[in-house]
């Protein structure tokens, strides 16, 4: 992958997973960032700043801080396989996993509805009728 004259880069259609990013340019120190987690359908913006230095010097950053999505207002969460297998789901309904999304609240009565339309779920104080499901 290469960058444009402005220093921007795009890598479309990367599979979900953990990545290591290395940025290098003659006359600058290398910068390496490891442990970058990319989820399904996620747009990740990663700004790297190369410092002037010898080619033999490198900077490695481990354990990158949580990234803030600044390119889109989309709220999305990926529920990994470990959570699906380990959580006690009544009836094994995937709809119960929606309450793991930040800002999501089940609005059902004490007999919390586990499936079937309409599923009573409010996300970030929106009405239950404005929730879009993508499976």
C-alpha atoms as a PDB file:
ATOM      1  CA  UNK A   1       0.000   0.000   0.000  1.00  0.00           C
ATOM      2  CA  UNK A   2       1.205   3.530  -0.733  1.00  0.00           C
ATOM      3  CA  UNK A   3      -0.017   6.958   0.238  1.00  0.00           C
ATOM      4  CA  UNK A   4      -1.054   9.940  -1.836  1.00  0.00           C
ATOM      5  CA  UNK A   5       1.001  13.152  -2.052  1.00  0.00           C
ATOM      6  CA  UNK A   6      -1.143  14.481   0.798  1.00  0.00           C
ATOM      7  CA  UNK A   7      -0.271  11.449   2.961  1.00  0.00           C
ATOM      8  CA  UNK A   8      -3.725   9.877   2.911  1.00  0.00           C
ATOM      9  CA  UNK A   9      -4.271   6.189   2.395  1.00  0.00           C
ATOM     10  CA  UNK A  10      -7.218   3.837   2.020  1.00  0.00           C
ATOM     11  CA  UNK A  11      -7.273   0.069   2.297  1.00  0.00           C
ATOM     12  CA  UNK A  12     -10.782  -1.081   1.355  1.00  0.00           C
ATOM     13  CA  UNK A  13     -12.289  -4.520   1.985  1.00  0.00           C
ATOM     14  CA  UNK A  14      -9.889  -5.703   4.688  1.00  0.00           C
ATOM     15  CA  UNK A  15     -11.184  -8.755   6.541  1.00  0.00           C
ATOM     16  CA  UNK A  16     -11.951  -8.350  10.241  1.00  0.00           C
ATOM     17  CA  UNK A  17      -9.005  -9.153  12.484  1.00  0.00           C
ATOM     18  CA  UNK A  18      -5.981  -7.816  14.317  1.00  0.00           C
ATOM     19  CA  UNK A  19      -3.426  -5.817  12.336  1.00  0.00           C
ATOM     20  CA  UNK A  20       0.063  -4.378  12.640  1.00  0.00           C
ATOM     21  CA  UNK A  21       0.702  -1.089  10.788  1.00  0.00           C
ATOM     22  CA  UNK A  22       4.196   0.002   9.753  1.00  0.00           C
ATOM     23  CA  UNK A  23       4.858   3.446   8.270  1.00  0.00           C
ATOM     24  CA  UNK A  24       8.276   4.214   6.802  1.00  0.00           C
ATOM     25  CA  UNK A  25       9.859   6.883   4.615  1.00  0.00           C
ATOM     26  CA  UNK A  26      13.514   7.596   3.903  1.00  0.00           C
ATOM     27  CA  UNK A  27      14.883  10.194   6.348  1.00  0.00           C
ATOM     28  CA  UNK A  28      12.204   9.476   8.973  1.00  0.00           C
ATOM     29  CA  UNK A  29      11.937   7.019  11.838  1.00  0.00           C
ATOM     30  CA  UNK A  30       9.642   4.069  11.272  1.00  0.00           C
ATOM     31  CA  UNK A  31       6.439   3.983  13.278  1.00  0.00           C
ATOM     32  CA  UNK A  32       4.851   0.658  14.095  1.00  0.00           C
ATOM     33  CA  UNK A  33       1.430   0.229  15.705  1.00  0.00           C
ATOM     34  CA  UNK A  34       0.348  -3.243  16.782  1.00  0.00           C
ATOM     35  CA  UNK A  35      -2.861  -4.659  18.195  1.00  0.00           C
ATOM     36  CA  UNK A  36      -5.127  -2.688  15.864  1.00  0.00           C
ATOM     37  CA  UNK A  37      -8.496  -4.470  15.882  1.00  0.00           C
ATOM     38  CA  UNK A  38     -10.738  -4.138  12.849  1.00  0.00           C
ATOM     39  CA  UNK A  39     -14.347  -5.330  13.142  1.00  0.00           C
ATOM     40  CA  UNK A  40     -16.798  -6.256  10.411  1.00  0.00           C
ATOM     41  CA  UNK A  41     -17.995  -3.247   8.356  1.00  0.00           C
ATOM     42  CA  UNK A  42     -15.850  -0.852  10.414  1.00  0.00           C
ATOM     43  CA  UNK A  43     -14.255   2.288   9.015  1.00  0.00           C
ATOM     44  CA  UNK A  44     -11.105   2.971  10.981  1.00  0.00           C
ATOM     45  CA  UNK A  45      -9.107   6.167  10.772  1.00  0.00           C
ATOM     46  CA  UNK A  46      -5.527   5.860  11.943  1.00  0.00           C
ATOM     47  CA  UNK A  47      -3.328   8.958  11.820  1.00  0.00           C
ATOM     48  CA  UNK A  48       0.405   8.311  11.935  1.00  0.00           C
ATOM     49  CA  UNK A  49       3.070  10.972  12.437  1.00  0.00           C
ATOM     50  CA  UNK A  50       6.593  10.184  11.314  1.00  0.00           C
ATOM     51  CA  UNK A  51       9.403  11.972  13.113  1.00  0.00           C
ATOM     52  CA  UNK A  52      12.623  13.071  11.474  1.00  0.00           C
ATOM     53  CA  UNK A  53      15.412  10.641  12.235  1.00  0.00           C
ATOM     54  CA  UNK A  54      17.764   8.067  10.896  1.00  0.00           C
ATOM     55  CA  UNK A  55      16.432   5.147   8.932  1.00  0.00           C
ATOM     56  CA  UNK A  56      17.825   2.784  11.565  1.00  0.00           C
ATOM     57  CA  UNK A  57      15.613   4.248  14.307  1.00  0.00           C
ATOM     58  CA  UNK A  58      12.064   3.021  14.798  1.00  0.00           C
ATOM     59  CA  UNK A  59       9.209   3.765  17.150  1.00  0.00           C
ATOM     60  CA  UNK A  60       6.866   0.943  18.169  1.00  0.00           C
ATOM     61  CA  UNK A  61       3.552   1.566  19.925  1.00  0.00           C
ATOM     62  CA  UNK A  62       1.892  -1.435  21.590  1.00  0.00           C
ATOM     63  CA  UNK A  63      -1.651  -1.526  22.904  1.00  0.00           C
ATOM     64  CA  UNK A  64      -3.207   1.323  20.939  1.00  0.00           C
ATOM     65  CA  UNK A  65      -5.877   3.296  22.787  1.00  0.00           C
ATOM     66  CA  UNK A  66      -9.522   2.921  21.844  1.00  0.00           C
ATOM     67  CA  UNK A  67     -10.208   4.766  18.621  1.00  0.00           C
ATOM     68  CA  UNK A  68     -12.876   7.391  18.226  1.00  0.00           C
ATOM     69  CA  UNK A  69     -14.891   7.117  15.014  1.00  0.00           C
ATOM     70  CA  UNK A  70     -14.717  10.603  13.476  1.00  0.00           C
ATOM     71  CA  UNK A  71     -15.525   9.745   9.852  1.00  0.00           C
ATOM     72  CA  UNK A  72     -19.092   8.541  10.420  1.00  0.00           C
ATOM     73  CA  UNK A  73     -21.875   8.895  12.987  1.00  0.00           C
ATOM     74  CA  UNK A  74     -22.803   5.226  12.626  1.00  0.00           C
ATOM     75  CA  UNK A  75     -23.072   3.281  15.882  1.00  0.00           C
ATOM     76  CA  UNK A  76     -22.229  -0.387  15.431  1.00  0.00           C
ATOM     77  CA  UNK A  77     -21.024  -3.227  17.602  1.00  0.00           C
ATOM     78  CA  UNK A  78     -19.730  -6.656  16.733  1.00  0.00           C
ATOM     79  CA  UNK A  79     -20.615  -9.400  19.191  1.00  0.00           C
ATOM     80  CA  UNK A  80     -17.827 -11.949  19.002  1.00  0.00           C
ATOM     81  CA  UNK A  81     -18.244 -15.707  19.090  1.00  0.00           C
ATOM     82  CA  UNK A  82     -17.058 -15.989  22.706  1.00  0.00           C
ATOM     83  CA  UNK A  83     -19.922 -13.812  23.949  1.00  0.00           C
ATOM     84  CA  UNK A  84     -22.497 -15.711  21.900  1.00  0.00           C
ATOM     85  CA  UNK A  85     -21.302 -19.059  23.251  1.00  0.00           C
ATOM     86  CA  UNK A  86     -20.698 -18.046  26.882  1.00  0.00           C
ATOM     87  CA  UNK A  87     -23.689 -15.806  27.650  1.00  0.00           C
ATOM     88  CA  UNK A  88     -26.823 -17.487  29.004  1.00  0.00           C
ATOM     89  CA  UNK A  89     -29.396 -16.671  26.303  1.00  0.00           C
ATOM     90  CA  UNK A  90     -32.960 -17.701  27.052  1.00  0.00           C
ATOM     91  CA  UNK A  91     -34.023 -19.626  23.955  1.00  0.00           C
ATOM     92  CA  UNK A  92     -30.725 -18.790  22.147  1.00  0.00           C
ATOM     93  CA  UNK A  93     -32.268 -15.744  20.463  1.00  0.00           C
ATOM     94  CA  UNK A  94     -29.706 -13.386  18.895  1.00  0.00           C
ATOM     95  CA  UNK A  95     -31.990 -10.440  19.654  1.00  0.00           C
ATOM     96  CA  UNK A  96     -31.007 -10.651  23.333  1.00  0.00           C
ATOM     97  CA  UNK A  97     -27.445  -9.709  22.335  1.00  0.00           C
ATOM     98  CA  UNK A  98     -28.592  -6.265  21.198  1.00  0.00           C
ATOM     99  CA  UNK A  99     -28.522  -4.979  24.766  1.00  0.00           C
ATOM    100  CA  UNK A 100     -24.708  -5.356  24.643  1.00  0.00           C
ATOM    101  CA  UNK A 101     -24.549  -2.387  22.244  1.00  0.00           C
ATOM    102  CA  UNK A 102     -23.595   0.853  24.024  1.00  0.00           C
ATOM    103  CA  UNK A 103     -26.715   2.989  24.453  1.00  0.00           C
ATOM    104  CA  UNK A 104     -29.158   0.090  23.847  1.00  0.00           C
ATOM    105  CA  UNK A 105     -31.861  -0.620  26.398  1.00  0.00           C
ATOM    106  CA  UNK A 106     -34.497  -3.334  26.324  1.00  0.00           C
ATOM    107  CA  UNK A 107     -37.843  -1.645  26.956  1.00  0.00           C
ATOM    108  CA  UNK A 108     -39.913  -4.773  27.458  1.00  0.00           C
ATOM    109  CA  UNK A 109     -41.946  -5.534  30.531  1.00  0.00           C
ATOM    110  CA  UNK A 110     -40.669  -8.004  33.168  1.00  0.00           C
ATOM    111  CA  UNK A 111     -41.430 -10.819  30.713  1.00  0.00           C
ATOM    112  CA  UNK A 112     -38.690  -9.425  28.404  1.00  0.00           C
ATOM    113  CA  UNK A 113     -39.604 -10.288  24.828  1.00  0.00           C
ATOM    114  CA  UNK A 114     -36.852 -12.352  23.191  1.00  0.00           C
ATOM    115  CA  UNK A 115     -37.936 -12.516  19.570  1.00  0.00           C
ATOM    116  CA  UNK A 116     -40.526 -11.575  17.017  1.00  0.00           C
ATOM    117  CA  UNK A 117     -41.586  -8.158  15.805  1.00  0.00           C
ATOM    118  CA  UNK A 118     -41.610  -5.646  17.247  1.00  0.00           C
ATOM    119  CA  UNK A 119     -38.641  -6.247  19.533  1.00  0.00           C
ATOM    120  CA  UNK A 120     -38.781  -3.586  22.257  1.00  0.00           C
ATOM    121  CA  UNK A 121     -35.352  -1.992  22.039  1.00  0.00           C
ATOM    122  CA  UNK A 122     -34.355   1.653  22.334  1.00  0.00           C
ATOM    123  CA  UNK A 123     -30.910   2.802  21.190  1.00  0.00           C
ATOM    124  CA  UNK A 124     -29.585   6.155  22.449  1.00  0.00           C
ATOM    125  CA  UNK A 125     -33.065   7.231  23.563  1.00  0.00           C
ATOM    126  CA  UNK A 126     -34.582   6.757  20.091  1.00  0.00           C
ATOM    127  CA  UNK A 127     -38.037   5.259  19.704  1.00  0.00           C
ATOM    128  CA  UNK A 128     -38.252   1.484  19.379  1.00  0.00           C
ATOM    129  CA  UNK A 129     -39.730   1.887  15.880  1.00  0.00           C
ATOM    130  CA  UNK A 130     -36.577   3.604  14.578  1.00  0.00           C
ATOM    131  CA  UNK A 131     -34.162   0.733  15.192  1.00  0.00           C
ATOM    132  CA  UNK A 132     -32.616  -0.780  12.040  1.00  0.00           C
ATOM    133  CA  UNK A 133     -31.529  -4.407  12.217  1.00  0.00           C
ATOM    134  CA  UNK A 134     -28.796  -5.737   9.950  1.00  0.00           C
ATOM    135  CA  UNK A 135     -28.111  -9.448  10.326  1.00  0.00           C
END
